[in-house]
């Protein structure tokens, strides 16, 4: 074998490595962590679902920083990720009368909610209550979600982050996407 052929065989692994690395792109991790506000003036319970976070714990946990809050820890995700938590948590009505879910919103300091969709299981099918920056609950009272006394409904959360990382809000260190805030469910009596 000629000297130039041996040299080409030596350079080939470096060339292939360079070409492979050129097609890779960086992914910034996303930490989704929200607080779910406890209903202080109603007997409505938030119950962890069967889905677990990356640490093997339920997604919904008691908050340690303030009584009346729950942590909703949805894991670390980056651009291009798609994830569904089909049993993130449950909402249970412990009142003696029917309550109605009329709204869902996030606190003004929340970030990342535009990449989330939230659904409630109503008689075996999923009803959207939040899709991106818009509430999925209609304005007419016939389409609100009712919770009969002692009934429970599961909540599904879907996260869809676009591949284009220029749309994403990087945290203060510019290395990770910092998402979080407070999530509010609004109920009223149905009578």
N, C-alpha and C. Protein backbone atom coordinates (compact mmCIF):
# COMPACT_ATOMS: atom_id res chain seq x y z
N UNK A 1 0.84 -1.17 0.00
CA UNK A 1 0.00 0.00 0.00
C UNK A 1 0.89 1.24 0.00
N UNK A 2 0.51 2.19 -0.79
CA UNK A 2 1.27 3.42 -0.88
C UNK A 2 1.12 4.26 0.37
N UNK A 3 2.08 5.17 0.54
CA UNK A 3 2.08 6.04 1.70
C UNK A 3 0.83 6.93 1.74
N UNK A 4 0.37 7.39 0.60
CA UNK A 4 -0.82 8.25 0.55
C UNK A 4 -2.08 7.46 0.94
N UNK A 5 -2.16 6.19 0.61
CA UNK A 5 -3.28 5.34 0.98
C UNK A 5 -3.32 5.12 2.48
N UNK A 6 -2.14 4.90 3.10
CA UNK A 6 -2.07 4.72 4.54
C UNK A 6 -2.48 6.01 5.27
N UNK A 7 -2.04 7.14 4.70
CA UNK A 7 -2.38 8.42 5.30
C UNK A 7 -3.89 8.66 5.22
N UNK A 8 -4.51 8.28 4.10
CA UNK A 8 -5.95 8.44 3.93
C UNK A 8 -6.70 7.57 4.94
N UNK A 9 -6.23 6.36 5.20
CA UNK A 9 -6.86 5.48 6.18
C UNK A 9 -6.74 6.05 7.60
N UNK A 10 -5.65 6.73 7.88
CA UNK A 10 -5.48 7.35 9.19
C UNK A 10 -6.37 8.59 9.37
N UNK A 11 -6.58 9.32 8.31
CA UNK A 11 -7.36 10.55 8.38
C UNK A 11 -8.87 10.25 8.31
N UNK A 12 -9.26 9.14 7.72
CA UNK A 12 -10.67 8.81 7.52
C UNK A 12 -11.48 8.83 8.83
N UNK A 13 -11.01 8.23 9.93
CA UNK A 13 -11.81 8.29 11.17
C UNK A 13 -12.02 9.73 11.67
N UNK A 14 -11.01 10.56 11.55
CA UNK A 14 -11.16 11.96 11.97
C UNK A 14 -12.15 12.70 11.09
N UNK A 15 -12.11 12.44 9.80
CA UNK A 15 -13.03 13.07 8.86
C UNK A 15 -14.47 12.65 9.15
N UNK A 16 -14.70 11.35 9.38
CA UNK A 16 -16.03 10.87 9.69
C UNK A 16 -16.55 11.45 11.00
N UNK A 17 -15.68 11.54 11.99
CA UNK A 17 -16.07 12.14 13.27
C UNK A 17 -16.45 13.60 13.09
N UNK A 18 -15.69 14.33 12.31
CA UNK A 18 -15.98 15.74 12.05
C UNK A 18 -17.33 15.89 11.34
N UNK A 19 -17.60 15.06 10.35
CA UNK A 19 -18.86 15.15 9.62
C UNK A 19 -20.03 14.81 10.52
N UNK A 20 -19.88 13.80 11.39
CA UNK A 20 -20.95 13.42 12.30
C UNK A 20 -21.24 14.54 13.30
N UNK A 21 -20.21 15.16 13.83
CA UNK A 21 -20.40 16.24 14.80
C UNK A 21 -21.02 17.46 14.15
N UNK A 22 -20.76 17.67 12.90
CA UNK A 22 -21.30 18.84 12.22
C UNK A 22 -22.82 18.75 12.08
N UNK A 23 -23.37 17.53 12.12
CA UNK A 23 -24.81 17.39 11.98
C UNK A 23 -25.52 17.40 13.33
N UNK A 24 -24.79 17.46 14.43
CA UNK A 24 -25.40 17.48 15.76
C UNK A 24 -25.76 18.91 16.14
N UNK A 25 -26.69 19.03 17.08
CA UNK A 25 -27.05 20.35 17.58
C UNK A 25 -27.27 20.24 19.08
N UNK A 26 -27.14 21.35 19.73
CA UNK A 26 -27.27 21.36 21.19
C UNK A 26 -28.73 21.40 21.59
N UNK A 27 -29.02 20.77 22.72
CA UNK A 27 -30.35 20.83 23.30
C UNK A 27 -30.22 21.39 24.71
N UNK A 28 -30.96 22.43 24.96
CA UNK A 28 -30.94 23.03 26.30
C UNK A 28 -31.99 22.33 27.15
N UNK A 29 -31.67 21.95 28.37
CA UNK A 29 -32.68 21.30 29.21
C UNK A 29 -33.74 22.28 29.67
N UNK A 30 -34.94 21.79 29.84
CA UNK A 30 -36.05 22.59 30.33
C UNK A 30 -36.46 22.01 31.66
N UNK A 31 -36.63 22.84 32.65
CA UNK A 31 -37.14 22.36 33.93
C UNK A 31 -38.53 22.92 34.10
N UNK A 32 -39.52 22.04 33.98
CA UNK A 32 -40.90 22.45 34.18
C UNK A 32 -41.28 22.23 35.62
N UNK A 33 -41.55 23.28 36.35
CA UNK A 33 -41.99 23.19 37.72
C UNK A 33 -43.01 24.27 37.99
N UNK A 34 -44.22 23.89 38.32
CA UNK A 34 -45.28 24.85 38.60
C UNK A 34 -45.82 24.60 40.00
N UNK A 35 -46.44 25.60 40.56
CA UNK A 35 -47.19 25.43 41.80
C UNK A 35 -48.66 25.38 41.43
N UNK A 36 -49.38 24.44 42.02
CA UNK A 36 -50.82 24.38 41.86
C UNK A 36 -51.41 24.88 43.16
N UNK A 37 -52.26 25.88 43.06
CA UNK A 37 -52.79 26.54 44.25
C UNK A 37 -53.93 25.73 44.83
N UNK A 38 -53.85 25.45 46.10
CA UNK A 38 -54.87 24.69 46.81
C UNK A 38 -56.12 25.54 47.01
N UNK A 39 -57.28 24.92 46.88
CA UNK A 39 -58.55 25.63 47.06
C UNK A 39 -58.83 25.79 48.55
N UNK A 40 -58.56 26.96 49.09
CA UNK A 40 -58.67 27.18 50.53
C UNK A 40 -60.11 27.28 51.01
N UNK A 41 -61.01 27.79 50.19
CA UNK A 41 -62.40 27.99 50.62
C UNK A 41 -63.33 26.91 50.10
N UNK A 42 -62.80 25.82 49.62
CA UNK A 42 -63.64 24.74 49.12
C UNK A 42 -62.97 23.42 49.49
N UNK A 43 -63.77 22.38 49.53
CA UNK A 43 -63.24 21.06 49.84
C UNK A 43 -62.93 20.32 48.54
N UNK A 44 -61.94 20.82 47.85
CA UNK A 44 -61.49 20.23 46.59
C UNK A 44 -60.07 19.72 46.83
N UNK A 45 -59.87 18.46 46.52
CA UNK A 45 -58.56 17.83 46.78
C UNK A 45 -57.79 17.64 45.48
N UNK A 46 -56.48 17.82 45.56
CA UNK A 46 -55.58 17.50 44.46
C UNK A 46 -54.84 16.23 44.86
N UNK A 47 -54.87 15.23 44.00
CA UNK A 47 -54.33 13.91 44.31
C UNK A 47 -53.31 13.54 43.24
N UNK A 48 -52.12 13.05 43.63
CA UNK A 48 -51.14 12.63 42.63
C UNK A 48 -51.69 11.52 41.74
N UNK A 49 -51.32 11.57 40.47
CA UNK A 49 -51.70 10.52 39.52
C UNK A 49 -50.63 9.44 39.48
N UNK A 50 -50.76 8.53 38.54
CA UNK A 50 -49.81 7.41 38.44
C UNK A 50 -48.53 7.79 37.70
N UNK A 51 -48.53 8.88 36.94
CA UNK A 51 -47.32 9.29 36.23
C UNK A 51 -46.27 9.76 37.22
N UNK A 52 -45.02 9.45 36.90
CA UNK A 52 -43.91 9.83 37.78
C UNK A 52 -42.92 10.71 37.05
N UNK A 53 -42.23 11.55 37.83
CA UNK A 53 -41.19 12.41 37.29
C UNK A 53 -39.90 11.64 37.10
N UNK A 54 -38.85 12.30 36.64
CA UNK A 54 -37.57 11.65 36.39
C UNK A 54 -36.94 11.03 37.64
N UNK A 55 -37.32 11.53 38.81
CA UNK A 55 -36.75 10.99 40.05
C UNK A 55 -37.58 9.84 40.62
N UNK A 56 -38.61 9.39 39.88
CA UNK A 56 -39.42 8.27 40.33
C UNK A 56 -40.51 8.66 41.31
N UNK A 57 -40.68 9.94 41.59
CA UNK A 57 -41.70 10.43 42.50
C UNK A 57 -42.91 10.92 41.69
N UNK A 58 -44.10 10.99 42.33
CA UNK A 58 -45.27 11.52 41.61
C UNK A 58 -45.01 12.94 41.11
N UNK A 59 -45.68 13.31 40.04
CA UNK A 59 -45.53 14.66 39.49
C UNK A 59 -46.07 15.72 40.43
N UNK A 60 -47.15 15.42 41.14
CA UNK A 60 -47.77 16.36 42.07
C UNK A 60 -47.32 16.02 43.49
N UNK A 61 -46.75 17.02 44.17
CA UNK A 61 -46.23 16.82 45.53
C UNK A 61 -46.59 18.01 46.38
N UNK A 62 -46.63 17.81 47.70
CA UNK A 62 -46.84 18.94 48.61
C UNK A 62 -45.67 19.89 48.51
N UNK A 63 -45.96 21.18 48.44
CA UNK A 63 -44.90 22.19 48.42
C UNK A 63 -44.40 22.38 49.84
N UNK A 64 -43.11 22.57 49.98
CA UNK A 64 -42.54 22.75 51.31
C UNK A 64 -42.37 24.22 51.66
N UNK A 65 -42.45 25.10 50.66
CA UNK A 65 -42.18 26.52 50.94
C UNK A 65 -43.39 27.28 51.45
N UNK A 66 -44.59 26.81 51.13
CA UNK A 66 -45.77 27.54 51.56
C UNK A 66 -46.95 26.57 51.68
N UNK A 67 -47.65 26.65 52.79
CA UNK A 67 -48.82 25.80 52.97
C UNK A 67 -49.90 26.20 51.97
N UNK A 68 -50.59 25.22 51.42
CA UNK A 68 -51.65 25.49 50.47
C UNK A 68 -51.20 25.42 49.03
N UNK A 69 -49.95 25.07 48.78
CA UNK A 69 -49.45 24.93 47.42
C UNK A 69 -48.98 23.50 47.19
N UNK A 70 -49.07 23.08 45.95
CA UNK A 70 -48.52 21.80 45.52
C UNK A 70 -47.49 22.06 44.45
N UNK A 71 -46.41 21.30 44.45
CA UNK A 71 -45.45 21.35 43.35
C UNK A 71 -45.91 20.42 42.25
N UNK A 72 -45.87 20.89 41.03
CA UNK A 72 -46.12 20.06 39.86
C UNK A 72 -44.81 20.02 39.08
N UNK A 73 -44.06 18.93 39.24
CA UNK A 73 -42.74 18.81 38.64
C UNK A 73 -42.85 17.96 37.39
N UNK A 74 -42.64 18.56 36.24
CA UNK A 74 -42.86 17.88 34.97
C UNK A 74 -41.57 17.43 34.28
N UNK A 75 -40.42 17.61 34.93
CA UNK A 75 -39.18 17.08 34.38
C UNK A 75 -38.38 18.09 33.58
N UNK A 76 -37.29 17.61 33.01
CA UNK A 76 -36.38 18.42 32.20
C UNK A 76 -36.55 18.05 30.73
N UNK A 77 -36.84 19.04 29.91
CA UNK A 77 -37.07 18.82 28.49
C UNK A 77 -36.39 19.92 27.69
N UNK A 78 -36.14 19.70 26.41
CA UNK A 78 -35.47 20.67 25.57
C UNK A 78 -36.18 20.87 24.25
N UNK A 79 -35.61 21.69 23.38
CA UNK A 79 -36.23 21.97 22.08
C UNK A 79 -36.50 20.68 21.30
N UNK A 80 -37.67 20.60 20.72
CA UNK A 80 -38.05 19.45 19.91
C UNK A 80 -38.69 18.32 20.70
N UNK A 81 -38.79 18.45 22.01
CA UNK A 81 -39.36 17.38 22.83
C UNK A 81 -40.88 17.38 22.77
N UNK A 82 -41.43 16.19 22.86
CA UNK A 82 -42.87 15.96 22.95
C UNK A 82 -43.07 14.96 24.07
N UNK A 83 -43.89 15.30 25.05
CA UNK A 83 -44.15 14.38 26.16
C UNK A 83 -45.60 14.51 26.60
N UNK A 84 -46.20 13.38 26.96
CA UNK A 84 -47.57 13.36 27.48
C UNK A 84 -47.56 12.69 28.84
N UNK A 85 -48.16 13.36 29.80
CA UNK A 85 -48.43 12.76 31.10
C UNK A 85 -49.92 12.50 31.13
N UNK A 86 -50.33 11.26 30.89
CA UNK A 86 -51.75 10.94 30.76
C UNK A 86 -52.46 10.84 32.10
N UNK A 87 -51.72 10.77 33.19
CA UNK A 87 -52.32 10.74 34.53
C UNK A 87 -51.45 11.57 35.46
N UNK A 88 -51.33 12.88 35.15
CA UNK A 88 -50.45 13.77 35.92
C UNK A 88 -50.95 13.93 37.36
N UNK A 89 -52.24 14.22 37.51
CA UNK A 89 -52.84 14.31 38.84
C UNK A 89 -54.36 14.25 38.69
N UNK A 90 -55.05 14.18 39.84
CA UNK A 90 -56.51 14.13 39.85
C UNK A 90 -57.04 15.30 40.65
N UNK A 91 -58.24 15.75 40.27
CA UNK A 91 -58.96 16.77 41.04
C UNK A 91 -60.22 16.09 41.56
N UNK A 92 -60.40 16.18 42.88
CA UNK A 92 -61.54 15.52 43.52
C UNK A 92 -62.41 16.54 44.23
N UNK A 93 -63.72 16.42 44.04
CA UNK A 93 -64.69 17.28 44.72
C UNK A 93 -65.18 16.55 45.97
N UNK A 94 -64.81 17.04 47.14
CA UNK A 94 -65.27 16.46 48.41
C UNK A 94 -66.45 17.23 48.99
N UNK A 95 -66.98 18.20 48.25
CA UNK A 95 -68.13 18.97 48.71
C UNK A 95 -69.39 18.10 48.64
N UNK A 96 -70.45 18.53 49.32
CA UNK A 96 -71.73 17.82 49.29
C UNK A 96 -72.59 18.27 48.11
N UNK A 97 -72.08 19.17 47.28
CA UNK A 97 -72.80 19.66 46.11
C UNK A 97 -71.86 19.69 44.91
N UNK A 98 -72.43 19.82 43.74
CA UNK A 98 -71.65 19.84 42.50
C UNK A 98 -70.89 21.16 42.37
N UNK A 99 -69.62 21.06 41.98
CA UNK A 99 -68.83 22.25 41.67
C UNK A 99 -68.48 22.23 40.19
N UNK A 100 -68.23 23.40 39.65
CA UNK A 100 -68.01 23.56 38.21
C UNK A 100 -66.65 24.20 37.98
N UNK A 101 -65.83 23.55 37.15
CA UNK A 101 -64.56 24.14 36.72
C UNK A 101 -64.89 25.17 35.65
N UNK A 102 -64.62 26.46 35.95
CA UNK A 102 -65.00 27.52 35.02
C UNK A 102 -63.81 28.18 34.33
N UNK A 103 -62.60 27.98 34.90
CA UNK A 103 -61.44 28.65 34.30
C UNK A 103 -60.16 28.00 34.78
N UNK A 104 -59.12 28.25 34.04
CA UNK A 104 -57.78 27.82 34.39
C UNK A 104 -56.84 28.91 33.89
N UNK A 105 -55.91 29.34 34.73
CA UNK A 105 -54.93 30.31 34.26
C UNK A 105 -53.64 30.17 35.05
N UNK A 106 -52.63 30.92 34.62
CA UNK A 106 -51.32 30.90 35.25
C UNK A 106 -51.02 32.28 35.82
N UNK A 107 -50.16 32.33 36.82
CA UNK A 107 -49.76 33.61 37.39
C UNK A 107 -49.00 34.43 36.36
N UNK A 108 -48.95 35.73 36.56
CA UNK A 108 -48.32 36.63 35.59
C UNK A 108 -46.82 36.37 35.46
N UNK A 109 -46.18 35.81 36.47
CA UNK A 109 -44.74 35.53 36.40
C UNK A 109 -44.44 34.15 35.84
N UNK A 110 -45.45 33.41 35.40
CA UNK A 110 -45.24 32.07 34.87
C UNK A 110 -44.54 32.12 33.52
N UNK A 111 -43.76 31.09 33.25
CA UNK A 111 -43.08 30.96 31.96
C UNK A 111 -43.27 29.54 31.45
N UNK A 112 -43.35 29.40 30.12
CA UNK A 112 -43.41 28.10 29.49
C UNK A 112 -44.80 27.54 29.28
N UNK A 113 -45.83 28.20 29.77
CA UNK A 113 -47.18 27.66 29.63
C UNK A 113 -47.66 27.65 28.18
N UNK A 114 -47.01 28.41 27.32
CA UNK A 114 -47.41 28.40 25.91
C UNK A 114 -47.06 27.09 25.22
N UNK A 115 -46.23 26.25 25.84
CA UNK A 115 -45.86 24.95 25.28
C UNK A 115 -46.65 23.81 25.90
N UNK A 116 -47.61 24.14 26.76
CA UNK A 116 -48.38 23.12 27.47
C UNK A 116 -49.82 23.07 26.99
N UNK A 117 -50.38 21.88 27.06
CA UNK A 117 -51.82 21.68 26.89
C UNK A 117 -52.29 20.85 28.07
N UNK A 118 -53.42 21.23 28.65
CA UNK A 118 -53.95 20.53 29.82
C UNK A 118 -55.36 20.06 29.48
N UNK A 119 -55.64 18.79 29.80
CA UNK A 119 -56.91 18.16 29.50
C UNK A 119 -57.48 17.52 30.76
N UNK A 120 -58.81 17.49 30.85
CA UNK A 120 -59.50 16.83 31.96
C UNK A 120 -60.33 15.69 31.36
N UNK A 121 -60.29 14.53 32.02
CA UNK A 121 -61.05 13.37 31.56
C UNK A 121 -62.51 13.54 31.98
N UNK A 122 -63.37 13.66 30.98
CA UNK A 122 -64.81 13.81 31.22
C UNK A 122 -65.50 12.63 30.55
N UNK A 123 -66.04 11.74 31.35
CA UNK A 123 -66.74 10.53 30.88
C UNK A 123 -65.99 9.79 29.79
N UNK A 124 -64.73 9.53 30.03
CA UNK A 124 -63.93 8.71 29.13
C UNK A 124 -63.27 9.42 27.96
N UNK A 125 -63.51 10.72 27.79
CA UNK A 125 -62.84 11.45 26.72
C UNK A 125 -62.17 12.69 27.31
N UNK A 126 -61.14 13.18 26.63
CA UNK A 126 -60.35 14.31 27.13
C UNK A 126 -60.92 15.62 26.63
N UNK A 127 -61.18 16.55 27.54
CA UNK A 127 -61.61 17.90 27.21
C UNK A 127 -60.47 18.86 27.48
N UNK A 128 -60.15 19.69 26.52
CA UNK A 128 -59.06 20.65 26.71
C UNK A 128 -59.52 21.77 27.63
N UNK A 129 -58.67 22.12 28.60
CA UNK A 129 -58.94 23.25 29.48
C UNK A 129 -57.86 24.31 29.35
N UNK A 130 -56.76 23.97 28.72
CA UNK A 130 -55.69 24.94 28.44
C UNK A 130 -54.92 24.44 27.23
N UNK A 131 -54.79 25.30 26.22
CA UNK A 131 -54.01 24.96 25.03
C UNK A 131 -53.13 26.14 24.70
N UNK A 132 -51.85 26.02 24.99
CA UNK A 132 -50.94 27.14 24.76
C UNK A 132 -51.27 28.29 25.68
N UNK A 133 -51.45 29.45 25.13
CA UNK A 133 -51.76 30.63 25.94
C UNK A 133 -53.26 30.88 26.07
N UNK A 134 -54.07 29.94 25.63
CA UNK A 134 -55.52 30.15 25.64
C UNK A 134 -56.21 29.12 26.52
N UNK A 135 -57.17 29.56 27.28
CA UNK A 135 -57.99 28.62 28.03
C UNK A 135 -58.87 27.86 27.06
N UNK A 136 -59.03 26.56 27.30
CA UNK A 136 -59.86 25.73 26.43
C UNK A 136 -61.30 25.66 26.89
N UNK A 137 -61.61 26.30 28.02
CA UNK A 137 -62.99 26.27 28.51
C UNK A 137 -63.81 27.32 27.77
N UNK A 138 -64.93 26.92 27.21
CA UNK A 138 -65.76 27.89 26.49
C UNK A 138 -66.44 28.87 27.43
N UNK A 139 -66.94 29.93 26.87
CA UNK A 139 -67.56 30.97 27.70
C UNK A 139 -69.02 30.67 28.04
N UNK A 140 -69.65 29.71 27.37
CA UNK A 140 -71.04 29.41 27.70
C UNK A 140 -71.11 28.39 28.83
N UNK A 141 -72.06 28.56 29.73
CA UNK A 141 -72.14 27.76 30.94
C UNK A 141 -72.53 26.31 30.70
N UNK A 142 -73.00 25.97 29.51
CA UNK A 142 -73.40 24.58 29.25
C UNK A 142 -72.20 23.69 28.98
N UNK A 143 -71.03 24.25 28.75
CA UNK A 143 -69.87 23.45 28.40
C UNK A 143 -68.79 23.41 29.48
N UNK A 144 -69.06 23.97 30.65
CA UNK A 144 -68.09 23.87 31.73
C UNK A 144 -68.00 22.43 32.21
N UNK A 145 -66.97 22.14 32.99
CA UNK A 145 -66.78 20.78 33.49
C UNK A 145 -67.31 20.71 34.92
N UNK A 146 -68.33 19.89 35.12
CA UNK A 146 -68.93 19.71 36.43
C UNK A 146 -68.30 18.53 37.16
N UNK A 147 -68.13 18.72 38.46
CA UNK A 147 -67.67 17.67 39.36
C UNK A 147 -68.79 17.38 40.34
N UNK A 148 -69.40 16.21 40.22
CA UNK A 148 -70.46 15.82 41.15
C UNK A 148 -69.85 15.62 42.54
N UNK A 149 -70.68 15.60 43.58
CA UNK A 149 -70.14 15.34 44.92
C UNK A 149 -69.36 14.03 44.96
N UNK A 150 -68.21 14.05 45.60
CA UNK A 150 -67.34 12.88 45.76
C UNK A 150 -66.89 12.28 44.42
N UNK A 151 -66.77 13.09 43.39
CA UNK A 151 -66.26 12.60 42.10
C UNK A 151 -64.83 13.08 41.90
N UNK A 152 -64.15 12.39 41.03
CA UNK A 152 -62.73 12.65 40.77
C UNK A 152 -62.48 12.56 39.27
N UNK A 153 -61.66 13.46 38.76
CA UNK A 153 -61.31 13.43 37.33
C UNK A 153 -59.79 13.54 37.18
N UNK A 154 -59.26 12.76 36.25
CA UNK A 154 -57.81 12.81 36.02
C UNK A 154 -57.47 13.95 35.06
N UNK A 155 -56.23 14.43 35.19
CA UNK A 155 -55.72 15.55 34.38
C UNK A 155 -54.54 15.05 33.56
N UNK A 156 -54.56 15.34 32.26
CA UNK A 156 -53.45 14.99 31.37
C UNK A 156 -52.73 16.29 30.98
N UNK A 157 -51.40 16.23 30.97
CA UNK A 157 -50.60 17.39 30.56
C UNK A 157 -49.72 16.96 29.39
N UNK A 158 -49.77 17.75 28.34
CA UNK A 158 -48.97 17.50 27.15
C UNK A 158 -48.02 18.67 26.95
N UNK A 159 -46.75 18.37 26.72
CA UNK A 159 -45.75 19.41 26.48
C UNK A 159 -45.22 19.24 25.05
N UNK A 160 -45.24 20.32 24.28
CA UNK A 160 -44.75 20.34 22.91
C UNK A 160 -43.83 21.54 22.76
N UNK A 161 -42.54 21.29 22.67
CA UNK A 161 -41.57 22.38 22.55
C UNK A 161 -41.06 22.41 21.12
N UNK A 162 -41.09 23.57 20.47
CA UNK A 162 -40.66 23.64 19.07
C UNK A 162 -39.15 23.36 18.93
N UNK A 163 -38.80 22.88 17.78
CA UNK A 163 -37.39 22.59 17.49
C UNK A 163 -36.56 23.86 17.43
N UNK A 164 -37.17 24.97 16.99
CA UNK A 164 -36.48 26.23 16.83
C UNK A 164 -36.18 26.84 18.20
N UNK A 165 -34.96 26.71 18.65
CA UNK A 165 -34.62 27.16 20.00
C UNK A 165 -34.55 28.67 20.13
N UNK A 166 -34.60 29.43 19.04
CA UNK A 166 -34.56 30.88 19.16
C UNK A 166 -35.86 31.43 19.75
N UNK A 167 -36.93 30.63 19.70
CA UNK A 167 -38.21 31.06 20.28
C UNK A 167 -38.26 30.87 21.79
N UNK A 168 -37.31 30.16 22.34
CA UNK A 168 -37.39 29.77 23.74
C UNK A 168 -36.70 30.78 24.64
N UNK A 169 -37.25 30.95 25.83
CA UNK A 169 -36.75 31.92 26.80
C UNK A 169 -35.72 31.26 27.70
N UNK A 170 -34.45 31.57 27.50
CA UNK A 170 -33.40 30.99 28.33
C UNK A 170 -33.37 31.66 29.69
N UNK A 171 -33.04 30.88 30.69
CA UNK A 171 -32.94 31.39 32.05
C UNK A 171 -31.77 32.34 32.20
N UNK A 172 -31.55 32.85 33.44
CA UNK A 172 -30.51 33.84 33.68
C UNK A 172 -29.10 33.37 33.27
N UNK A 173 -28.81 32.07 33.42
CA UNK A 173 -27.48 31.57 33.08
C UNK A 173 -27.32 31.31 31.59
N UNK A 174 -28.41 31.44 30.83
CA UNK A 174 -28.42 31.24 29.37
C UNK A 174 -28.03 29.81 28.97
N UNK A 175 -28.13 28.87 29.91
CA UNK A 175 -27.81 27.48 29.60
C UNK A 175 -29.02 26.57 29.72
N UNK A 176 -30.05 27.02 30.40
CA UNK A 176 -31.23 26.18 30.58
C UNK A 176 -32.48 27.03 30.48
N UNK A 177 -33.55 26.39 30.12
CA UNK A 177 -34.84 27.06 30.04
C UNK A 177 -35.50 26.94 31.41
N UNK A 178 -35.80 28.06 32.01
CA UNK A 178 -36.39 28.06 33.34
C UNK A 178 -37.88 28.33 33.23
N UNK A 179 -38.70 27.31 33.48
CA UNK A 179 -40.14 27.44 33.38
C UNK A 179 -40.77 27.16 34.72
N UNK A 180 -41.81 27.88 35.02
CA UNK A 180 -42.51 27.66 36.27
C UNK A 180 -43.48 28.78 36.53
N UNK A 181 -44.11 28.74 37.68
CA UNK A 181 -45.09 29.74 38.07
C UNK A 181 -46.17 29.08 38.88
N UNK A 182 -47.34 29.69 38.90
CA UNK A 182 -48.48 29.13 39.63
C UNK A 182 -49.62 28.86 38.66
N UNK A 183 -50.23 27.71 38.81
CA UNK A 183 -51.35 27.28 37.98
C UNK A 183 -52.61 27.33 38.85
N UNK A 184 -53.65 28.01 38.37
CA UNK A 184 -54.88 28.18 39.13
C UNK A 184 -56.04 27.48 38.42
N UNK A 185 -56.77 26.66 39.17
CA UNK A 185 -58.05 26.12 38.72
C UNK A 185 -59.13 26.91 39.44
N UNK A 186 -60.13 27.39 38.69
CA UNK A 186 -61.20 28.21 39.28
C UNK A 186 -62.51 27.42 39.25
N UNK A 187 -63.11 27.28 40.43
CA UNK A 187 -64.36 26.54 40.57
C UNK A 187 -65.45 27.45 41.12
N UNK A 188 -66.69 27.09 40.83
CA UNK A 188 -67.85 27.74 41.44
C UNK A 188 -68.89 26.66 41.68
N UNK A 189 -69.87 26.94 42.51
CA UNK A 189 -70.93 25.96 42.72
C UNK A 189 -71.80 25.90 41.46
N UNK A 190 -72.36 24.75 41.18
CA UNK A 190 -73.13 24.56 39.96
C UNK A 190 -74.62 24.78 40.16
N UNK A 191 -75.04 25.19 41.34
CA UNK A 191 -76.49 25.42 41.57
C UNK A 191 -76.82 26.88 41.54
